[in-house]
Amino acid sequence: MSRYRPPREKSSAYITPEGQQLLQSELKELWKVKRPEVTRKVSEAAAMGDRSENAEYIYGKKQLREIDGRIQFLAKRLDKLVVVDRTPPDPGKVYFGAWVTLRNVEGGNQGDTVRYRLVGPDEFDREPGFISIDAPVARLLLGKSVGDEVELTMDGCDCIHEIIVIDY
């Protein structure tokens, strides 16, 4: 029986140098440390006899499949990613990798500020304030300059935010 899987939106193939390093470190950890450790445990469990009722063996094989799947995903994804490691020609505008500080000027908690960094879909949410370049908020901010205003819905409130700082 096959299940319907809705098509996934294509994600951007951009990543910061820091994000690339994190993915490479994860791949290395899985390949050099985690996988050999789980393989050893599976071998030990297999040596105990009947594998059909051996929970350690069954669980270990499941872990290996998950690790192998993640290794395969990371290897393919790292090959496709484009590392954005330089400042754009116009650093006064919001582009990939920018830190953007916004101040609420209308609605909600006026005067409050928020700070976001526009990063690749593989690295968002690793740190507070990291948002994917594919997120609606990031799309609103792209190409804007200091002083521009954007309307954001935050905590159920439609608020107008002004861009007050752009850093790279």
N, C-alpha and C. Protein backbone atom coordinates (compact mmCIF):
# COMPACT_ATOMS: atom_id res chain seq x y z
N MET A 1 0.85 -1.18 0.00
CA MET A 1 0.00 0.00 0.00
C MET A 1 0.90 1.25 0.00
N SER A 2 0.72 2.09 -0.98
CA SER A 2 1.54 3.30 -1.04
C SER A 2 0.78 4.46 -0.44
N ARG A 3 1.51 5.34 0.18
CA ARG A 3 0.92 6.52 0.79
C ARG A 3 1.14 7.72 -0.10
N TYR A 4 0.15 8.59 -0.12
CA TYR A 4 0.30 9.83 -0.86
C TYR A 4 1.20 10.75 -0.07
N ARG A 5 2.18 11.29 -0.72
CA ARG A 5 3.06 12.27 -0.11
C ARG A 5 2.98 13.53 -0.95
N PRO A 6 2.52 14.62 -0.33
CA PRO A 6 2.45 15.86 -1.11
C PRO A 6 3.84 16.30 -1.54
N PRO A 7 3.94 16.92 -2.71
CA PRO A 7 5.26 17.36 -3.16
C PRO A 7 5.82 18.42 -2.22
N ARG A 8 7.12 18.31 -1.94
CA ARG A 8 7.78 19.28 -1.06
C ARG A 8 8.25 20.45 -1.90
N GLU A 9 8.16 21.62 -1.29
CA GLU A 9 8.69 22.79 -1.96
C GLU A 9 10.20 22.66 -2.01
N LYS A 10 10.77 23.12 -3.09
CA LYS A 10 12.22 23.10 -3.21
C LYS A 10 12.79 24.13 -2.23
N SER A 11 13.82 23.72 -1.54
CA SER A 11 14.45 24.66 -0.62
C SER A 11 15.68 25.26 -1.29
N SER A 12 16.02 26.45 -0.88
CA SER A 12 17.18 27.14 -1.44
C SER A 12 18.45 26.36 -1.14
N ALA A 13 19.40 26.45 -2.03
CA ALA A 13 20.64 25.70 -1.88
C ALA A 13 21.76 26.58 -1.33
N TYR A 14 21.41 27.59 -0.55
CA TYR A 14 22.42 28.49 0.01
C TYR A 14 22.69 28.13 1.46
N ILE A 15 23.92 28.40 1.87
CA ILE A 15 24.31 28.13 3.26
C ILE A 15 25.46 29.08 3.62
N THR A 16 25.52 29.43 4.90
CA THR A 16 26.62 30.25 5.38
C THR A 16 27.83 29.33 5.62
N PRO A 17 29.03 29.87 5.68
CA PRO A 17 30.20 29.03 5.98
C PRO A 17 30.05 28.30 7.31
N GLU A 18 29.46 28.98 8.30
CA GLU A 18 29.26 28.34 9.62
C GLU A 18 28.29 27.17 9.52
N GLY A 19 27.24 27.35 8.74
CA GLY A 19 26.26 26.29 8.55
C GLY A 19 26.86 25.09 7.83
N GLN A 20 27.69 25.35 6.82
CA GLN A 20 28.36 24.27 6.10
C GLN A 20 29.27 23.50 7.06
N GLN A 21 29.99 24.21 7.91
CA GLN A 21 30.89 23.56 8.87
C GLN A 21 30.10 22.66 9.82
N LEU A 22 28.94 23.13 10.28
CA LEU A 22 28.12 22.31 11.18
C LEU A 22 27.64 21.03 10.49
N LEU A 23 27.21 21.14 9.24
CA LEU A 23 26.75 19.94 8.52
C LEU A 23 27.91 18.98 8.27
N GLN A 24 29.08 19.52 7.91
CA GLN A 24 30.25 18.67 7.70
C GLN A 24 30.66 17.97 9.00
N SER A 25 30.58 18.69 10.11
CA SER A 25 30.92 18.10 11.41
C SER A 25 29.94 17.00 11.77
N GLU A 26 28.65 17.23 11.51
CA GLU A 26 27.65 16.20 11.79
C GLU A 26 27.91 14.96 10.95
N LEU A 27 28.20 15.15 9.66
CA LEU A 27 28.49 14.02 8.78
C LEU A 27 29.70 13.24 9.27
N LYS A 28 30.75 13.95 9.64
CA LYS A 28 31.96 13.29 10.13
C LYS A 28 31.68 12.52 11.42
N GLU A 29 30.93 13.14 12.33
CA GLU A 29 30.57 12.48 13.61
C GLU A 29 29.78 11.20 13.36
N LEU A 30 28.81 11.27 12.47
CA LEU A 30 27.99 10.09 12.16
C LEU A 30 28.85 8.99 11.54
N TRP A 31 29.68 9.37 10.58
CA TRP A 31 30.46 8.40 9.83
C TRP A 31 31.61 7.80 10.63
N LYS A 32 32.31 8.64 11.39
CA LYS A 32 33.52 8.19 12.08
C LYS A 32 33.28 7.69 13.51
N VAL A 33 32.21 8.18 14.17
CA VAL A 33 32.01 7.84 15.57
C VAL A 33 30.72 7.03 15.79
N LYS A 34 29.60 7.62 15.44
CA LYS A 34 28.30 7.02 15.76
C LYS A 34 28.06 5.69 15.03
N ARG A 35 28.31 5.69 13.72
CA ARG A 35 28.04 4.47 12.95
C ARG A 35 28.91 3.30 13.41
N PRO A 36 30.23 3.48 13.58
CA PRO A 36 31.05 2.36 14.07
C PRO A 36 30.61 1.86 15.46
N GLU A 37 30.19 2.79 16.31
CA GLU A 37 29.73 2.41 17.65
C GLU A 37 28.48 1.55 17.58
N VAL A 38 27.50 1.96 16.78
CA VAL A 38 26.25 1.20 16.65
C VAL A 38 26.52 -0.13 15.94
N THR A 39 27.40 -0.13 14.95
CA THR A 39 27.75 -1.37 14.25
C THR A 39 28.34 -2.38 15.22
N ARG A 40 29.21 -1.92 16.10
CA ARG A 40 29.81 -2.80 17.11
C ARG A 40 28.73 -3.39 18.02
N LYS A 41 27.78 -2.56 18.45
CA LYS A 41 26.70 -3.03 19.33
C LYS A 41 25.82 -4.04 18.62
N VAL A 42 25.55 -3.82 17.34
CA VAL A 42 24.73 -4.76 16.56
C VAL A 42 25.46 -6.09 16.43
N SER A 43 26.75 -6.04 16.18
CA SER A 43 27.54 -7.28 16.06
C SER A 43 27.53 -8.06 17.37
N GLU A 44 27.67 -7.35 18.47
CA GLU A 44 27.63 -8.01 19.79
C GLU A 44 26.26 -8.63 20.04
N ALA A 45 25.20 -7.91 19.69
CA ALA A 45 23.85 -8.43 19.89
C ALA A 45 23.59 -9.63 18.98
N ALA A 46 24.12 -9.60 17.76
CA ALA A 46 23.92 -10.72 16.83
C ALA A 46 24.62 -11.98 17.33
N ALA A 47 25.71 -11.81 18.04
CA ALA A 47 26.46 -12.96 18.56
C ALA A 47 25.73 -13.67 19.69
N MET A 48 24.70 -13.02 20.24
CA MET A 48 23.97 -13.61 21.36
C MET A 48 22.98 -14.68 20.93
N GLY A 49 22.76 -14.86 19.66
CA GLY A 49 21.87 -15.92 19.22
C GLY A 49 20.68 -15.41 18.43
N ASP A 50 19.50 -15.94 18.76
CA ASP A 50 18.26 -15.70 18.02
C ASP A 50 18.02 -14.21 17.80
N ARG A 51 18.15 -13.78 16.56
CA ARG A 51 18.00 -12.36 16.25
C ARG A 51 16.55 -11.93 16.19
N SER A 52 15.63 -12.84 15.94
CA SER A 52 14.22 -12.46 15.77
C SER A 52 13.61 -11.94 17.07
N GLU A 53 14.15 -12.34 18.22
CA GLU A 53 13.61 -11.89 19.50
C GLU A 53 14.63 -11.07 20.29
N ASN A 54 15.66 -10.64 19.63
CA ASN A 54 16.73 -9.89 20.28
C ASN A 54 16.47 -8.39 20.10
N ALA A 55 15.96 -7.76 21.14
CA ALA A 55 15.58 -6.34 21.06
C ALA A 55 16.78 -5.45 20.76
N GLU A 56 17.91 -5.76 21.34
CA GLU A 56 19.11 -4.94 21.11
C GLU A 56 19.53 -5.00 19.64
N TYR A 57 19.44 -6.19 19.05
CA TYR A 57 19.80 -6.35 17.65
C TYR A 57 18.82 -5.59 16.76
N ILE A 58 17.53 -5.75 17.01
CA ILE A 58 16.49 -5.10 16.20
C ILE A 58 16.61 -3.57 16.31
N TYR A 59 16.77 -3.08 17.52
CA TYR A 59 16.91 -1.63 17.72
C TYR A 59 18.18 -1.10 17.07
N GLY A 60 19.27 -1.85 17.19
CA GLY A 60 20.54 -1.44 16.60
C GLY A 60 20.45 -1.36 15.08
N LYS A 61 19.78 -2.32 14.46
CA LYS A 61 19.60 -2.29 13.01
C LYS A 61 18.77 -1.08 12.59
N LYS A 62 17.76 -0.76 13.40
CA LYS A 62 16.94 0.43 13.11
C LYS A 62 17.79 1.69 13.19
N GLN A 63 18.62 1.77 14.23
CA GLN A 63 19.52 2.93 14.38
C GLN A 63 20.47 3.04 13.19
N LEU A 64 21.00 1.92 12.74
CA LEU A 64 21.91 1.94 11.60
C LEU A 64 21.21 2.46 10.34
N ARG A 65 19.96 2.03 10.13
CA ARG A 65 19.22 2.54 8.96
C ARG A 65 19.03 4.05 9.04
N GLU A 66 18.70 4.54 10.24
CA GLU A 66 18.51 5.99 10.43
C GLU A 66 19.82 6.74 10.21
N ILE A 67 20.91 6.23 10.75
CA ILE A 67 22.22 6.86 10.59
C ILE A 67 22.61 6.86 9.11
N ASP A 68 22.45 5.72 8.44
CA ASP A 68 22.81 5.63 7.03
C ASP A 68 21.96 6.58 6.18
N GLY A 69 20.69 6.72 6.52
CA GLY A 69 19.83 7.66 5.80
C GLY A 69 20.28 9.09 5.97
N ARG A 70 20.66 9.44 7.19
CA ARG A 70 21.13 10.81 7.45
C ARG A 70 22.47 11.06 6.76
N ILE A 71 23.36 10.08 6.78
CA ILE A 71 24.65 10.20 6.10
C ILE A 71 24.43 10.43 4.61
N GLN A 72 23.55 9.65 4.03
CA GLN A 72 23.27 9.78 2.60
C GLN A 72 22.68 11.16 2.30
N PHE A 73 21.74 11.60 3.13
CA PHE A 73 21.14 12.92 2.93
C PHE A 73 22.19 14.02 3.01
N LEU A 74 23.01 13.99 4.07
CA LEU A 74 24.02 15.03 4.26
C LEU A 74 25.04 15.06 3.12
N ALA A 75 25.47 13.90 2.68
CA ALA A 75 26.46 13.83 1.61
C ALA A 75 25.90 14.45 0.33
N LYS A 76 24.67 14.10 -0.02
CA LYS A 76 24.05 14.66 -1.22
C LYS A 76 23.80 16.16 -1.07
N ARG A 77 23.29 16.54 0.09
CA ARG A 77 22.96 17.95 0.31
C ARG A 77 24.20 18.83 0.29
N LEU A 78 25.27 18.39 0.92
CA LEU A 78 26.51 19.17 0.94
C LEU A 78 27.06 19.37 -0.47
N ASP A 79 26.88 18.38 -1.34
CA ASP A 79 27.33 18.52 -2.73
C ASP A 79 26.56 19.60 -3.48
N LYS A 80 25.29 19.81 -3.11
CA LYS A 80 24.43 20.74 -3.84
C LYS A 80 24.47 22.17 -3.29
N LEU A 81 24.95 22.33 -2.07
CA LEU A 81 24.89 23.64 -1.42
C LEU A 81 25.90 24.63 -1.99
N VAL A 82 25.48 25.88 -2.01
CA VAL A 82 26.33 26.99 -2.44
C VAL A 82 26.66 27.80 -1.19
N VAL A 83 27.94 27.88 -0.86
CA VAL A 83 28.38 28.62 0.32
C VAL A 83 28.47 30.10 -0.04
N VAL A 84 27.72 30.92 0.69
CA VAL A 84 27.75 32.37 0.49
C VAL A 84 28.68 32.93 1.55
N ASP A 85 29.88 33.30 1.12
CA ASP A 85 30.90 33.70 2.10
C ASP A 85 31.44 35.12 1.87
N ARG A 86 30.70 35.93 1.14
CA ARG A 86 31.16 37.31 0.97
C ARG A 86 29.98 38.27 1.11
N THR A 87 30.31 39.49 1.45
CA THR A 87 29.31 40.54 1.61
C THR A 87 28.77 40.92 0.24
N PRO A 88 27.47 41.18 0.13
CA PRO A 88 26.91 41.56 -1.17
C PRO A 88 27.43 42.91 -1.62
N PRO A 89 27.28 43.22 -2.91
CA PRO A 89 27.78 44.49 -3.43
C PRO A 89 27.14 45.71 -2.75
N ASP A 90 25.90 45.59 -2.31
CA ASP A 90 25.22 46.70 -1.63
C ASP A 90 24.85 46.26 -0.21
N PRO A 91 25.77 46.42 0.76
CA PRO A 91 25.50 45.97 2.12
C PRO A 91 24.43 46.80 2.83
N GLY A 92 23.90 47.81 2.17
CA GLY A 92 22.81 48.60 2.74
C GLY A 92 21.45 47.98 2.49
N LYS A 93 21.43 46.84 1.81
CA LYS A 93 20.18 46.12 1.53
C LYS A 93 20.25 44.74 2.16
N VAL A 94 19.06 44.18 2.39
CA VAL A 94 18.97 42.87 3.02
C VAL A 94 19.12 41.78 1.96
N TYR A 95 20.15 40.94 2.15
CA TYR A 95 20.37 39.78 1.31
C TYR A 95 20.68 38.60 2.22
N PHE A 96 20.95 37.45 1.59
CA PHE A 96 21.27 36.24 2.34
C PHE A 96 22.43 36.50 3.30
N GLY A 97 22.31 35.99 4.52
CA GLY A 97 23.36 36.11 5.52
C GLY A 97 23.27 37.36 6.38
N ALA A 98 22.35 38.26 6.04
CA ALA A 98 22.24 39.52 6.78
C ALA A 98 21.64 39.31 8.17
N TRP A 99 22.12 40.11 9.10
CA TRP A 99 21.47 40.28 10.39
C TRP A 99 20.60 41.52 10.23
N VAL A 100 19.30 41.39 10.52
CA VAL A 100 18.36 42.50 10.34
C VAL A 100 17.69 42.78 11.68
N THR A 101 17.78 44.03 12.12
CA THR A 101 17.11 44.45 13.35
C THR A 101 15.90 45.28 12.96
N LEU A 102 14.76 44.89 13.52
CA LEU A 102 13.49 45.55 13.23
C LEU A 102 12.92 46.16 14.51
N ARG A 103 12.29 47.32 14.37
CA ARG A 103 11.62 47.96 15.51
C ARG A 103 10.13 48.05 15.18
N ASN A 104 9.31 47.65 16.14
CA ASN A 104 7.86 47.73 15.98
C ASN A 104 7.45 49.20 16.06
N VAL A 105 6.83 49.70 15.00
CA VAL A 105 6.43 51.12 14.98
C VAL A 105 4.91 51.30 15.01
N GLU A 106 4.16 50.22 14.77
CA GLU A 106 2.71 50.34 14.77
C GLU A 106 2.07 49.00 15.10
N GLY A 107 1.19 49.00 16.10
CA GLY A 107 0.51 47.78 16.52
C GLY A 107 1.35 47.01 17.52
N GLY A 108 0.69 46.22 18.34
CA GLY A 108 1.41 45.38 19.30
C GLY A 108 2.23 46.18 20.28
N ASN A 109 3.39 45.68 20.61
CA ASN A 109 4.30 46.32 21.56
C ASN A 109 5.21 47.31 20.84
N GLN A 110 4.74 48.50 20.66
CA GLN A 110 5.52 49.50 19.93
C GLN A 110 6.85 49.76 20.63
N GLY A 111 7.87 49.90 19.83
CA GLY A 111 9.20 50.16 20.36
C GLY A 111 10.02 48.90 20.56
N ASP A 112 9.37 47.73 20.64
CA ASP A 112 10.11 46.47 20.79
C ASP A 112 10.94 46.20 19.54
N THR A 113 12.09 45.57 19.73
CA THR A 113 12.93 45.22 18.59
C THR A 113 13.10 43.71 18.52
N VAL A 114 13.31 43.22 17.30
CA VAL A 114 13.64 41.82 17.06
C VAL A 114 14.81 41.80 16.10
N ARG A 115 15.60 40.74 16.17
CA ARG A 115 16.77 40.62 15.30
C ARG A 115 16.76 39.24 14.65
N TYR A 116 16.90 39.21 13.33
CA TYR A 116 16.91 37.97 12.57
C TYR A 116 18.17 37.88 11.74
N ARG A 117 18.57 36.66 11.47
CA ARG A 117 19.62 36.42 10.47
C ARG A 117 19.02 35.53 9.40
N LEU A 118 19.15 35.93 8.15
CA LEU A 118 18.63 35.16 7.03
C LEU A 118 19.67 34.12 6.63
N VAL A 119 19.33 32.85 6.85
CA VAL A 119 20.26 31.75 6.60
C VAL A 119 19.59 30.71 5.71
N GLY A 120 20.33 29.68 5.37
CA GLY A 120 19.81 28.61 4.53
C GLY A 120 18.84 27.72 5.29
N PRO A 121 18.01 26.98 4.56
CA PRO A 121 17.02 26.11 5.19
C PRO A 121 17.64 24.98 6.02
N ASP A 122 18.92 24.69 5.80
CA ASP A 122 19.58 23.64 6.55
C ASP A 122 20.13 24.12 7.89
N GLU A 123 20.08 25.41 8.13
CA GLU A 123 20.69 25.94 9.36
C GLU A 123 19.76 26.81 10.19
N PHE A 124 18.54 27.07 9.71
CA PHE A 124 17.65 27.91 10.49
C PHE A 124 17.29 27.23 11.80
N ASP A 125 17.01 28.02 12.78
CA ASP A 125 16.58 27.54 14.09
C ASP A 125 17.68 26.85 14.89
N ARG A 126 18.90 26.81 14.38
CA ARG A 126 20.00 26.28 15.19
C ARG A 126 20.33 27.27 16.29
N GLU A 127 20.12 28.51 16.00
CA GLU A 127 20.36 29.59 16.94
C GLU A 127 19.10 30.45 16.99
N PRO A 128 18.82 31.05 18.10
CA PRO A 128 17.66 31.96 18.15
C PRO A 128 17.83 33.09 17.14
N GLY A 129 16.77 33.38 16.43
CA GLY A 129 16.80 34.47 15.47
C GLY A 129 17.23 34.06 14.08
N PHE A 130 17.66 32.82 13.87
CA PHE A 130 18.01 32.36 12.53
C PHE A 130 16.72 31.97 11.82
N ILE A 131 16.45 32.58 10.66
CA ILE A 131 15.27 32.21 9.89
C ILE A 131 15.70 31.82 8.48
N SER A 132 14.99 30.88 7.91
CA SER A 132 15.30 30.40 6.58
C SER A 132 15.02 31.47 5.54
N ILE A 133 15.89 31.53 4.56
CA ILE A 133 15.73 32.46 3.45
C ILE A 133 14.42 32.17 2.70
N ASP A 134 13.88 30.96 2.87
CA ASP A 134 12.63 30.57 2.22
C ASP A 134 11.38 30.95 3.03
N ALA A 135 11.57 31.42 4.27
CA ALA A 135 10.45 31.77 5.14
C ALA A 135 9.77 33.04 4.64
N PRO A 136 8.47 33.15 4.87
CA PRO A 136 7.75 34.35 4.43
C PRO A 136 8.34 35.65 4.98
N VAL A 137 8.78 35.67 6.23
CA VAL A 137 9.36 36.89 6.81
C VAL A 137 10.63 37.26 6.05
N ALA A 138 11.46 36.28 5.75
CA ALA A 138 12.70 36.55 5.01
C ALA A 138 12.40 37.08 3.62
N ARG A 139 11.41 36.51 2.98
CA ARG A 139 11.03 36.98 1.63
C ARG A 139 10.59 38.45 1.66
N LEU A 140 9.87 38.83 2.75
CA LEU A 140 9.46 40.22 2.89
C LEU A 140 10.66 41.16 3.05
N LEU A 141 11.69 40.68 3.73
CA LEU A 141 12.83 41.52 4.04
C LEU A 141 13.84 41.66 2.90
N LEU A 142 13.91 40.66 2.02
CA LEU A 142 14.90 40.67 0.95
C LEU A 142 14.82 41.93 0.09
N GLY A 143 15.97 42.55 -0.10
CA GLY A 143 16.06 43.73 -0.94
C GLY A 143 15.68 45.04 -0.26
N LYS A 144 15.23 44.96 0.98
CA LYS A 144 14.84 46.18 1.71
C LYS A 144 16.07 46.87 2.28
N SER A 145 15.89 48.15 2.64
CA SER A 145 16.98 48.96 3.20
C SER A 145 16.59 49.49 4.57
N VAL A 146 17.56 50.06 5.27
CA VAL A 146 17.29 50.71 6.55
C VAL A 146 16.25 51.81 6.31
N GLY A 147 15.25 51.86 7.18
CA GLY A 147 14.17 52.84 7.06
C GLY A 147 12.93 52.28 6.39
N ASP A 148 13.07 51.17 5.63
CA ASP A 148 11.90 50.55 5.00
C ASP A 148 11.04 49.89 6.07
N GLU A 149 9.74 49.83 5.79
CA GLU A 149 8.81 49.20 6.72
C GLU A 149 8.21 47.95 6.09
N VAL A 150 7.95 46.95 6.95
CA VAL A 150 7.31 45.71 6.52
C VAL A 150 6.20 45.39 7.50
N GLU A 151 5.14 44.77 6.98
CA GLU A 151 4.04 44.37 7.85
C GLU A 151 4.22 42.90 8.20
N LEU A 152 4.30 42.62 9.48
CA LEU A 152 4.48 41.25 9.96
C LEU A 152 3.36 40.89 10.91
N THR A 153 2.93 39.65 10.86
CA THR A 153 1.98 39.15 11.83
C THR A 153 2.78 38.39 12.87
N MET A 154 2.81 38.93 14.09
CA MET A 154 3.56 38.31 15.17
C MET A 154 2.66 38.19 16.39
N ASP A 155 2.60 37.01 16.96
CA ASP A 155 1.76 36.75 18.13
C ASP A 155 0.32 37.19 17.88
N GLY A 156 -0.18 36.91 16.68
CA GLY A 156 -1.56 37.22 16.35
C GLY A 156 -1.85 38.68 16.09
N CYS A 157 -0.83 39.50 16.01
CA CYS A 157 -1.01 40.94 15.82
C CYS A 157 -0.36 41.35 14.50
N ASP A 158 -1.11 42.09 13.68
CA ASP A 158 -0.51 42.66 12.47
C ASP A 158 0.22 43.92 12.87
N CYS A 159 1.52 43.91 12.73
CA CYS A 159 2.35 45.02 13.19
C CYS A 159 3.21 45.54 12.04
N ILE A 160 3.50 46.82 12.09
CA ILE A 160 4.42 47.42 11.13
C ILE A 160 5.77 47.53 11.81
N HIS A 161 6.79 46.99 11.15
CA HIS A 161 8.16 47.04 11.67
C HIS A 161 9.03 47.82 10.71
N GLU A 162 9.92 48.62 11.27
CA GLU A 162 10.88 49.38 10.48
C GLU A 162 12.24 48.73 10.61
N ILE A 163 12.94 48.61 9.49
CA ILE A 163 14.30 48.08 9.51
C ILE A 163 15.21 49.18 10.04
N ILE A 164 15.90 48.90 11.15
CA ILE A 164 16.75 49.92 11.76
C ILE A 164 18.24 49.62 11.62
N VAL A 165 18.60 48.33 11.45
CA VAL A 165 20.02 47.98 11.29
C VAL A 165 20.12 46.78 10.35
N ILE A 166 21.11 46.81 9.47
CA ILE A 166 21.46 45.66 8.63
C ILE A 166 22.96 45.43 8.79
N ASP A 167 23.33 44.24 9.25
CA ASP A 167 24.74 43.86 9.43
C ASP A 167 25.05 42.61 8.64
N TYR A 168 26.31 42.48 8.24
CA TYR A 168 26.77 41.24 7.58
C TYR A 168 27.95 40.68 8.32
